């Protein structure tokens, strides 16, 4: 972590007097001193979406014309759109809106099930996210315009937190599959094929694994 990123974390931490919690930060654009972050903030009205510049200025709420909790914000690669999970009356859905929060629209409506953090493909055409729409936490992909919804994982364990590789060819995700109580990092092709585990615990071994100590 660079000194500047540490400074941003400390700056955001000083704002606790205004909001009670800050989670899921994400950068907009390149990693420059004036770059912006979007994050999920909790206050009297519940979770909403906020932005702040890396220099600590410009803290403000993204005005999404929608009631209920908002969370897991992610800017599109070109910074012109934002994906997030919106919740109202106990129903969660995946939304895409303009970067300023205008024109929010559901792109993968579900019948009142839980949804997980979205992530954009590098070309901005596809969004991956986790959902319980089929009764278990699995990973799905859908076009940013709401077309082509498809399920990428099929396992009775928890699969979540998907992210694309920089070239868009692969997706990394976390899962507690394999009969273990621990979660590990897995990798698969962008179509859901070729799943393999990357990490291993202190007393385990996995093919092509990276030894990591989890604290």
Protein backbone atom coordinates (compact mmCIF):
# COMPACT_ATOMS: atom_id res chain seq x y z
CA UNK A 1 0.00 0.00 0.00
CA UNK A 2 1.42 3.40 -0.98
CA UNK A 3 1.78 6.29 1.46
CA UNK A 4 -0.96 8.16 -0.41
CA UNK A 5 -3.42 5.27 -0.10
CA UNK A 6 -2.68 5.02 3.61
CA UNK A 7 -3.36 8.73 3.88
CA UNK A 8 -6.72 8.30 2.13
CA UNK A 9 -7.70 5.59 4.60
CA UNK A 10 -6.79 7.85 7.50
CA UNK A 11 -8.68 10.78 6.01
CA UNK A 12 -11.82 8.69 5.53
CA UNK A 13 -11.48 7.42 9.09
CA UNK A 14 -11.64 10.98 10.43
CA UNK A 15 -15.15 11.34 8.98
CA UNK A 16 -16.70 8.85 11.39
CA UNK A 17 -18.33 11.72 13.24
CA UNK A 18 -20.54 12.29 10.20
CA UNK A 19 -21.16 8.67 9.23
CA UNK A 20 -20.98 5.53 11.31
CA UNK A 21 -19.35 3.10 8.87
CA UNK A 22 -17.38 3.07 5.61
CA UNK A 23 -16.98 -0.08 3.56
CA UNK A 24 -16.27 -1.32 0.03
CA UNK A 25 -14.07 1.53 -1.29
CA UNK A 26 -13.27 1.52 -5.00
CA UNK A 27 -11.12 3.80 -7.18
CA UNK A 28 -12.42 5.81 -10.12
CA UNK A 29 -9.97 6.19 -12.97
CA UNK A 30 -6.20 5.99 -12.64
CA UNK A 31 -4.31 5.96 -9.37
CA UNK A 32 -3.55 9.69 -9.39
CA UNK A 33 -3.35 12.17 -6.47
CA UNK A 34 -6.69 13.69 -7.52
CA UNK A 35 -8.41 10.37 -8.25
CA UNK A 36 -11.79 9.71 -6.66
CA UNK A 37 -13.13 6.84 -4.62
CA UNK A 38 -16.66 5.58 -4.25
CA UNK A 39 -17.73 3.78 -1.09
CA UNK A 40 -20.69 2.62 0.96
CA UNK A 41 -21.41 4.78 3.99
CA UNK A 42 -23.82 4.18 6.85
CA UNK A 43 -25.68 6.97 8.55
CA UNK A 44 -29.12 7.77 9.97
CA UNK A 45 -30.81 6.89 6.67
CA UNK A 46 -28.98 3.57 6.32
CA UNK A 47 -26.36 2.63 3.76
CA UNK A 48 -25.96 4.98 0.81
CA UNK A 49 -23.25 5.70 -1.78
CA UNK A 50 -20.57 8.38 -1.36
CA UNK A 51 -17.51 9.71 -3.15
CA UNK A 52 -14.36 11.42 -1.93
CA UNK A 53 -11.23 12.67 -3.67
CA UNK A 54 -7.91 11.09 -2.81
CA UNK A 55 -6.74 14.41 -1.34
CA UNK A 56 -9.57 14.24 1.20
CA UNK A 57 -11.83 16.85 -0.36
CA UNK A 58 -15.11 16.60 -2.12
CA UNK A 59 -16.91 14.23 0.21
CA UNK A 60 -20.48 13.89 -0.95
CA UNK A 61 -23.35 11.50 -1.40
CA UNK A 62 -24.21 10.15 -4.83
CA UNK A 63 -27.82 11.21 -5.24
CA UNK A 64 -29.52 8.04 -6.38
CA UNK A 65 -33.28 8.75 -6.72
CA UNK A 66 -34.27 5.57 -4.95
CA UNK A 67 -35.46 4.64 -1.47
CA UNK A 68 -33.80 1.97 0.66
CA UNK A 69 -30.25 0.83 1.28
CA UNK A 70 -27.56 1.03 -1.38
CA UNK A 71 -24.23 -0.77 -1.28
CA UNK A 72 -21.30 -2.51 -3.00
CA UNK A 73 -20.64 0.36 -5.46
CA UNK A 74 -18.32 -0.16 -8.42
CA UNK A 75 -17.51 2.36 -11.15
CA UNK A 76 -17.39 1.14 -14.73
CA UNK A 77 -13.91 1.18 -16.32
CA UNK A 78 -14.68 4.41 -18.18
CA UNK A 79 -16.10 6.04 -15.03
CA UNK A 80 -19.40 6.90 -16.72
CA UNK A 81 -21.61 4.36 -14.90
CA UNK A 82 -21.85 2.78 -11.50
CA UNK A 83 -23.08 -0.67 -10.52
CA UNK A 84 -24.45 -1.33 -7.05
CA UNK A 85 -26.84 -3.45 -5.03
CA UNK A 86 -30.06 -1.71 -4.04
CA UNK A 87 -32.42 -2.92 -1.32
CA UNK A 88 -35.94 -1.86 -0.47
CA UNK A 89 -38.60 -3.70 1.54
CA UNK A 90 -36.22 -6.63 1.93
CA UNK A 91 -35.71 -7.08 -1.82
CA UNK A 92 -32.18 -6.75 -3.22
CA UNK A 93 -31.38 -6.22 -6.90
CA UNK A 94 -28.39 -5.40 -9.10
CA UNK A 95 -28.57 -1.85 -10.48
CA UNK A 96 -26.65 0.27 -12.95
CA UNK A 97 -26.89 4.06 -12.92
CA UNK A 98 -25.07 7.02 -14.39
CA UNK A 99 -21.93 7.95 -12.44
CA UNK A 100 -23.82 10.78 -10.72
CA UNK A 101 -26.58 8.37 -9.59
CA UNK A 102 -29.13 9.40 -12.22
CA UNK A 103 -31.21 6.89 -14.18
CA UNK A 104 -30.88 3.84 -11.88
CA UNK A 105 -32.22 0.70 -13.49
CA UNK A 106 -32.42 -2.93 -12.47
CA UNK A 107 -30.49 -5.17 -14.84
CA UNK A 108 -31.01 -8.55 -13.15
CA UNK A 109 -34.25 -8.53 -11.16
CA UNK A 110 -34.63 -11.32 -8.60
CA UNK A 111 -37.60 -12.56 -6.55
CA UNK A 112 -36.47 -11.07 -3.25
CA UNK A 113 -33.17 -12.91 -2.69
CA UNK A 114 -29.81 -11.69 -1.45
CA UNK A 115 -27.26 -10.25 -3.87
CA UNK A 116 -23.49 -9.78 -3.61
CA UNK A 117 -20.86 -7.29 -4.73
CA UNK A 118 -20.69 -6.64 -8.51
CA UNK A 119 -17.55 -6.16 -10.61
CA UNK A 120 -17.14 -4.89 -14.17
CA UNK A 121 -15.29 -6.54 -17.03
CA UNK A 122 -12.40 -4.43 -18.36
CA UNK A 123 -14.36 -3.55 -21.51
CA UNK A 124 -17.39 -2.43 -19.45
CA UNK A 125 -19.76 -4.79 -21.24
CA UNK A 126 -20.28 -7.40 -18.52
CA UNK A 127 -20.90 -7.39 -14.78
CA UNK A 128 -20.23 -10.37 -12.53
CA UNK A 129 -21.82 -10.68 -9.10
CA UNK A 130 -22.96 -13.26 -6.56
CA UNK A 131 -26.58 -14.10 -5.92
CA UNK A 132 -28.87 -16.57 -4.18
CA UNK A 133 -31.40 -16.44 -7.04
CA UNK A 134 -31.19 -20.23 -7.47
CA UNK A 135 -31.19 -21.00 -3.74
CA UNK A 136 -27.44 -20.92 -3.08
CA UNK A 137 -24.66 -18.36 -3.30
CA UNK A 138 -23.38 -18.68 -6.87
CA UNK A 139 -21.64 -16.37 -9.34
CA UNK A 140 -23.48 -14.91 -12.31
CA UNK A 141 -22.60 -12.72 -15.27
CA UNK A 142 -24.92 -10.34 -17.06
CA UNK A 143 -24.52 -7.73 -19.77
CA UNK A 144 -24.37 -4.15 -18.51
CA UNK A 145 -27.56 -3.58 -20.50
CA UNK A 146 -29.32 -6.41 -18.64
CA UNK A 147 -29.10 -9.03 -21.38
CA UNK A 148 -27.48 -12.45 -21.37
CA UNK A 149 -27.78 -13.41 -17.69
CA UNK A 150 -25.91 -16.66 -17.08
CA UNK A 151 -24.81 -18.71 -14.09
CA UNK A 152 -21.06 -19.36 -13.93
CA UNK A 153 -20.68 -21.60 -10.86
CA UNK A 154 -22.61 -24.63 -9.66
CA UNK A 155 -21.53 -25.81 -6.23
CA UNK A 156 -23.40 -26.33 -2.93
CA UNK A 157 -20.79 -24.23 -1.11
CA UNK A 158 -20.55 -20.44 -0.97
CA UNK A 159 -19.14 -18.75 -4.09
CA UNK A 160 -18.74 -14.97 -4.01
CA UNK A 161 -16.67 -11.79 -4.48
CA UNK A 162 -15.92 -12.28 -8.19
CA UNK A 163 -13.45 -10.01 -10.01
CA UNK A 164 -12.22 -10.01 -13.60
CA UNK A 165 -8.57 -10.31 -14.55
CA UNK A 166 -7.13 -7.21 -16.29
CA UNK A 167 -7.50 -8.89 -19.70
CA UNK A 168 -11.06 -10.06 -18.95
CA UNK A 169 -10.25 -13.68 -19.73
CA UNK A 170 -10.51 -15.02 -16.17
CA UNK A 171 -12.48 -14.43 -12.99
CA UNK A 172 -11.13 -14.82 -9.47
CA UNK A 173 -13.55 -15.51 -6.62
CA UNK A 174 -13.71 -16.79 -3.05
CA UNK A 175 -15.36 -20.04 -1.98
CA UNK A 176 -15.54 -22.47 0.91
CA UNK A 177 -16.13 -25.41 -1.42
CA UNK A 178 -14.21 -28.66 -1.09
CA UNK A 179 -15.48 -29.76 2.30
CA UNK A 180 -13.44 -27.23 4.27
CA UNK A 181 -14.69 -24.53 6.61
CA UNK A 182 -12.05 -22.13 5.25
CA UNK A 183 -12.60 -19.84 2.30
CA UNK A 184 -10.04 -19.91 -0.50
CA UNK A 185 -9.29 -18.00 -3.68
CA UNK A 186 -10.32 -19.74 -6.89
CA UNK A 187 -9.80 -18.92 -10.54
CA UNK A 188 -11.94 -19.79 -13.57
CA UNK A 189 -12.31 -18.78 -17.18
CA UNK A 190 -14.79 -16.00 -17.88
CA UNK A 191 -17.33 -18.57 -19.08
CA UNK A 192 -17.15 -20.48 -15.76
CA UNK A 193 -14.96 -23.33 -17.02
CA UNK A 194 -11.59 -24.49 -15.70
CA UNK A 195 -12.17 -23.79 -11.99
CA UNK A 196 -9.06 -24.30 -9.85
CA UNK A 197 -8.05 -23.35 -6.35
CA UNK A 198 -5.11 -21.01 -5.88
CA UNK A 199 -4.63 -20.83 -2.11
CA UNK A 200 -4.09 -23.42 0.59
CA UNK A 201 -4.22 -23.48 4.38
CA UNK A 202 -1.39 -24.22 6.78
CA UNK A 203 -1.92 -28.00 6.65
CA UNK A 204 -3.19 -28.32 3.09
CA UNK A 205 -1.76 -28.42 -0.38
CA UNK A 206 -3.43 -27.51 -3.65
CA UNK A 207 -2.19 -27.75 -7.25
CA UNK A 208 -0.37 -24.60 -8.33
CA UNK A 209 -1.23 -23.08 -4.96
CA UNK A 210 0.25 -20.03 -3.31
CA UNK A 211 1.03 -20.56 0.35
CA UNK A 212 -0.78 -17.88 2.35
CA UNK A 213 -1.12 -17.47 6.09
CA UNK A 214 -4.63 -16.24 6.96
CA UNK A 215 -4.88 -14.07 10.07
